């Protein structure tokens, strides 16, 4: 499946940097990072993964399938091999592509996720969104208030509601493939072993206030990514690129700028 892409930067001789967002997100969530990286002369591509943003919808959301989408899209764009960066769900897609097709990934950056299964309430979030009554003329404030009893955290509500199209002559509608995501939560929160190891340079960046990548997960990461190094942003949580954008950029830029032996 060809994915929607935002492609900026003149592009020098370095491999393009490809950005993959997390669950319920889109390439727009990585827009600030994309512009910062492109300002250094790089070609930077942000993709909407299937059932997200402006990409097509489909029922299969297994990680090998989504990794195949990324590879197909980048091949069509002449953007391989690449430096691949993924956050959360996008990090799992990035790891899967690196393990399944290592020749397509020159360097890998994984933001606050590990190759393991998680259970973080995404089924409940999807159910709450699907239960939200969508009525003609609804405002974002009204949608936010209606969602509050099911999702107490206002930051999470605001993030999720970025996926809601409002206004015009039509009733509100979800931009994301919400039924497909809801049906695929077990796959999205899981991790299927196989492939690898990926022996190219790998950087794992985590938030110091996040519990997604504990120190106990490092051995499992190194088993698949033997040249992995680790960085922690002490004042950031799971959405580290948004909570500490300067720190995140400072952590990844030297890694991206390092020249690999030829």
Protein backbone atom coordinates (compact mmCIF):
# COMPACT_ATOMS: atom_id res chain seq x y z
CA UNK A 1 0.00 0.00 0.00
CA UNK A 2 1.34 3.44 -0.93
CA UNK A 3 1.19 5.84 2.01
CA UNK A 4 0.62 9.58 2.13
CA UNK A 5 3.96 11.37 2.48
CA UNK A 6 5.15 14.85 3.32
CA UNK A 7 8.54 15.28 1.63
CA UNK A 8 10.60 18.39 2.39
CA UNK A 9 14.22 19.49 2.20
CA UNK A 10 16.50 19.85 -0.78
CA UNK A 11 18.30 16.64 0.04
CA UNK A 12 22.06 16.34 0.02
CA UNK A 13 24.18 13.21 -0.37
CA UNK A 14 23.10 11.81 3.00
CA UNK A 15 20.35 9.19 3.18
CA UNK A 16 16.91 10.73 3.64
CA UNK A 17 15.45 10.71 7.13
CA UNK A 18 12.04 9.04 7.36
CA UNK A 19 9.69 9.74 10.29
CA UNK A 20 6.95 7.37 11.50
CA UNK A 21 4.33 8.51 14.01
CA UNK A 22 2.59 6.65 16.82
CA UNK A 23 -0.89 5.19 17.27
CA UNK A 24 -3.78 7.64 16.73
CA UNK A 25 -1.23 10.15 15.37
CA UNK A 26 -0.15 11.32 11.94
CA UNK A 27 2.80 12.83 10.13
CA UNK A 28 1.61 16.26 11.30
CA UNK A 29 2.63 15.35 14.86
CA UNK A 30 6.24 15.22 13.65
CA UNK A 31 6.08 18.43 11.63
CA UNK A 32 8.32 20.46 13.93
CA UNK A 33 10.98 17.76 14.00
CA UNK A 34 10.74 17.36 10.24
CA UNK A 35 11.32 21.08 9.64
CA UNK A 36 14.24 21.19 12.08
CA UNK A 37 15.97 18.28 10.37
CA UNK A 38 15.27 19.65 6.89
CA UNK A 39 16.85 22.98 7.89
CA UNK A 40 20.20 21.16 8.02
CA UNK A 41 20.00 20.35 4.30
CA UNK A 42 18.55 16.86 4.64
CA UNK A 43 15.67 15.36 2.76
CA UNK A 44 13.09 14.47 5.41
CA UNK A 45 9.98 12.40 4.71
CA UNK A 46 7.11 11.99 7.18
CA UNK A 47 4.63 9.21 6.43
CA UNK A 48 1.05 8.60 7.51
CA UNK A 49 0.85 4.92 8.39
CA UNK A 50 -2.18 2.96 7.17
CA UNK A 51 -5.48 3.94 8.84
CA UNK A 52 -3.89 7.22 9.95
CA UNK A 53 -3.73 10.75 8.55
CA UNK A 54 -4.38 10.86 4.82
CA UNK A 55 -3.27 7.29 4.05
CA UNK A 56 -5.68 4.55 2.90
CA UNK A 57 -7.56 2.33 5.32
CA UNK A 58 -7.25 -1.47 5.52
CA UNK A 59 -7.96 -4.16 8.09
CA UNK A 60 -4.49 -5.75 8.35
CA UNK A 61 -2.35 -3.82 10.84
CA UNK A 62 0.26 -6.45 11.61
CA UNK A 63 3.73 -4.96 11.83
CA UNK A 64 5.21 -6.87 8.88
CA UNK A 65 2.36 -5.54 6.73
CA UNK A 66 2.85 -1.95 7.87
CA UNK A 67 6.61 -2.25 7.41
CA UNK A 68 5.90 -3.41 3.87
CA UNK A 69 3.82 -0.27 3.27
CA UNK A 70 6.76 1.88 4.34
CA UNK A 71 9.22 -0.01 2.13
CA UNK A 72 6.89 0.13 -0.90
CA UNK A 73 6.28 3.85 -0.47
CA UNK A 74 9.94 4.75 0.01
CA UNK A 75 10.97 2.62 -2.95
CA UNK A 76 8.45 4.49 -5.12
CA UNK A 77 9.92 7.78 -3.85
CA UNK A 78 13.53 6.77 -4.50
CA UNK A 79 14.25 7.15 -0.79
CA UNK A 80 16.07 3.91 0.05
CA UNK A 81 18.21 3.17 1.92
CA UNK A 82 17.12 5.64 4.59
CA UNK A 83 17.70 6.74 8.13
CA UNK A 84 14.49 5.54 9.77
CA UNK A 85 12.99 7.09 12.92
CA UNK A 86 9.80 5.81 14.54
CA UNK A 87 7.96 6.79 17.69
CA UNK A 88 5.85 4.30 19.68
CA UNK A 89 3.80 2.29 17.15
CA UNK A 90 5.93 3.88 14.44
CA UNK A 91 8.99 2.66 16.31
CA UNK A 92 7.70 -0.89 16.12
CA UNK A 93 7.08 -0.48 12.39
CA UNK A 94 10.61 0.89 12.00
CA UNK A 95 12.14 -2.01 13.96
CA UNK A 96 10.17 -4.52 11.92
CA UNK A 97 11.38 -3.04 8.62
CA UNK A 98 14.98 -2.97 9.85
CA UNK A 99 14.78 -6.62 10.92
CA UNK A 100 12.97 -7.82 7.79
CA UNK A 101 14.85 -5.76 5.18
CA UNK A 102 18.08 -4.45 6.73
CA UNK A 103 19.48 -3.36 3.38
CA UNK A 104 16.81 -0.65 3.27
CA UNK A 105 17.73 0.98 6.59
CA UNK A 106 21.14 2.60 7.01
CA UNK A 107 20.52 3.80 10.57
CA UNK A 108 17.62 3.27 12.95
CA UNK A 109 16.22 5.52 15.69
CA UNK A 110 13.51 4.13 17.97
CA UNK A 111 11.69 6.61 20.20
CA UNK A 112 10.28 5.30 23.49
CA UNK A 113 9.23 1.79 22.56
CA UNK A 114 10.76 -1.69 22.78
CA UNK A 115 10.24 -4.91 20.79
CA UNK A 116 7.80 -6.34 23.31
CA UNK A 117 4.07 -6.59 24.00
CA UNK A 118 2.31 -3.79 25.86
CA UNK A 119 -1.12 -3.35 27.37
CA UNK A 120 -1.85 0.36 27.64
CA UNK A 121 -5.62 0.80 27.27
CA UNK A 122 -5.74 1.49 23.55
CA UNK A 123 -8.83 -0.70 23.16
CA UNK A 124 -10.63 1.52 25.67
CA UNK A 125 -9.54 4.66 23.84
CA UNK A 126 -10.77 3.31 20.50
CA UNK A 127 -14.08 2.26 22.06
CA UNK A 128 -14.56 5.72 23.56
CA UNK A 129 -13.97 7.38 20.20
CA UNK A 130 -16.34 5.02 18.42
CA UNK A 131 -19.04 5.71 21.03
CA UNK A 132 -18.81 9.50 20.60
CA UNK A 133 -22.05 10.80 19.00
CA UNK A 134 -21.12 12.79 15.91
CA UNK A 135 -23.76 15.40 15.04
CA UNK A 136 -23.95 18.04 12.34
CA UNK A 137 -22.58 21.35 13.61
CA UNK A 138 -20.63 19.83 16.50
CA UNK A 139 -17.74 21.97 17.68
CA UNK A 140 -14.39 20.70 18.93
CA UNK A 141 -15.23 21.99 22.40
CA UNK A 142 -18.48 20.00 22.38
CA UNK A 143 -16.69 16.88 21.23
CA UNK A 144 -14.07 17.37 23.94
CA UNK A 145 -16.74 17.73 26.63
CA UNK A 146 -18.65 14.67 25.39
CA UNK A 147 -15.48 12.59 25.46
CA UNK A 148 -14.39 13.71 28.94
CA UNK A 149 -16.36 11.12 30.97
CA UNK A 150 -14.60 8.28 29.12
CA UNK A 151 -11.14 9.88 28.74
CA UNK A 152 -10.26 12.02 31.74
CA UNK A 153 -6.86 13.29 30.59
CA UNK A 154 -7.41 16.55 28.62
CA UNK A 155 -4.07 16.22 26.81
CA UNK A 156 -4.99 12.77 25.49
CA UNK A 157 -8.46 14.00 24.49
CA UNK A 158 -7.00 16.92 22.56
CA UNK A 159 -4.52 14.63 20.83
CA UNK A 160 -7.20 12.13 19.82
CA UNK A 161 -9.58 14.82 18.61
CA UNK A 162 -7.02 16.03 16.08
CA UNK A 163 -8.33 13.08 14.06
CA UNK A 164 -11.88 14.45 13.94
CA UNK A 165 -12.94 16.40 10.85
CA UNK A 166 -15.36 19.19 11.75
CA UNK A 167 -17.26 21.91 9.91
CA UNK A 168 -18.88 22.22 6.53
CA UNK A 169 -22.20 20.79 5.41
CA UNK A 170 -21.39 17.24 6.45
CA UNK A 171 -21.52 15.66 9.93
CA UNK A 172 -18.17 15.27 11.70
CA UNK A 173 -16.18 12.21 10.67
CA UNK A 174 -13.06 10.44 11.82
CA UNK A 175 -10.05 10.84 9.55
CA UNK A 176 -8.48 7.66 10.94
CA UNK A 177 -9.67 4.15 10.19
CA UNK A 178 -11.18 3.81 13.64
CA UNK A 179 -12.97 0.45 13.18
CA UNK A 180 -9.82 -1.04 11.68
CA UNK A 181 -7.65 0.26 14.53
CA UNK A 182 -10.10 -0.98 17.17
CA UNK A 183 -10.11 -4.46 15.65
CA UNK A 184 -6.30 -4.54 15.46
CA UNK A 185 -5.40 -3.43 19.00
CA UNK A 186 -4.03 -6.85 19.94
CA UNK A 187 -1.66 -6.74 16.97
CA UNK A 188 -0.69 -3.13 17.64
CA UNK A 189 0.05 -3.69 21.32
CA UNK A 190 1.85 -6.96 20.60
CA UNK A 191 5.13 -7.93 18.99
CA UNK A 192 5.79 -10.97 16.82
CA UNK A 193 9.31 -12.39 16.97
CA UNK A 194 11.22 -13.10 13.79
CA UNK A 195 13.85 -11.66 11.50
CA UNK A 196 17.11 -10.01 12.31
CA UNK A 197 19.36 -9.26 13.91
CA UNK A 198 19.80 -5.74 12.54
CA UNK A 199 23.49 -4.99 12.78
CA UNK A 200 23.58 -1.38 11.59
CA UNK A 201 23.77 1.51 14.12
CA UNK A 202 20.64 1.87 16.25
CA UNK A 203 19.73 4.58 18.76
CA UNK A 204 16.98 4.07 21.33
CA UNK A 205 15.76 7.32 22.88
CA UNK A 206 13.37 7.16 25.81
CA UNK A 207 11.68 9.59 28.17
CA UNK A 208 12.85 9.61 31.75
CA UNK A 209 9.25 9.96 32.92
CA UNK A 210 8.04 7.11 30.68
CA UNK A 211 7.81 3.45 31.61
CA UNK A 212 7.84 2.09 28.05
CA UNK A 213 11.56 1.23 27.91
CA UNK A 214 12.80 0.12 31.33
CA UNK A 215 16.44 -0.84 31.79
CA UNK A 216 15.28 -4.46 32.00
CA UNK A 217 14.32 -4.27 28.30
CA UNK A 218 17.82 -3.36 27.12
CA UNK A 219 19.06 -6.96 26.83
CA UNK A 220 16.08 -7.90 24.66
CA UNK A 221 16.72 -4.86 22.46
CA UNK A 222 20.41 -5.70 22.09
CA UNK A 223 19.56 -9.28 21.13
CA UNK A 224 17.86 -7.94 18.00
CA UNK A 225 19.88 -4.74 17.59
CA UNK A 226 23.38 -5.63 18.82
CA UNK A 227 24.82 -2.17 18.10
CA UNK A 228 22.07 -0.32 19.95
CA UNK A 229 22.95 2.66 22.12
CA UNK A 230 20.59 4.31 24.57
CA UNK A 231 19.74 7.90 25.44
CA UNK A 232 17.26 9.20 28.02
CA UNK A 233 15.58 12.62 28.10
CA UNK A 234 15.09 13.02 31.87
CA UNK A 235 12.30 15.61 31.74
CA UNK A 236 10.19 13.98 29.01
CA UNK A 237 7.52 11.30 29.03
CA UNK A 238 6.30 9.06 26.24
CA UNK A 239 5.73 11.91 23.75
CA UNK A 240 9.36 12.93 24.15
CA UNK A 241 9.72 14.64 20.76
CA UNK A 242 6.84 16.98 21.69
CA UNK A 243 7.64 17.40 25.39
CA UNK A 244 11.35 18.12 24.88
CA UNK A 245 11.84 18.91 21.19
CA UNK A 246 15.22 20.58 21.68
CA UNK A 247 16.51 17.70 23.79
CA UNK A 248 15.23 15.13 21.32
CA UNK A 249 16.86 16.92 18.39
CA UNK A 250 20.12 17.20 20.32
CA UNK A 251 20.03 13.46 21.07
CA UNK A 252 19.47 12.30 17.50
CA UNK A 253 21.48 14.80 15.43
CA UNK A 254 24.99 13.52 16.27
CA UNK A 255 23.80 9.98 15.56
CA UNK A 256 22.42 11.00 12.17
CA UNK A 257 25.55 13.00 11.35
CA UNK A 258 28.01 10.19 12.09
CA UNK A 259 29.59 8.88 8.91
CA UNK A 260 29.41 5.12 8.45
CA UNK A 261 32.49 3.33 7.09
CA UNK A 262 32.41 2.78 3.33
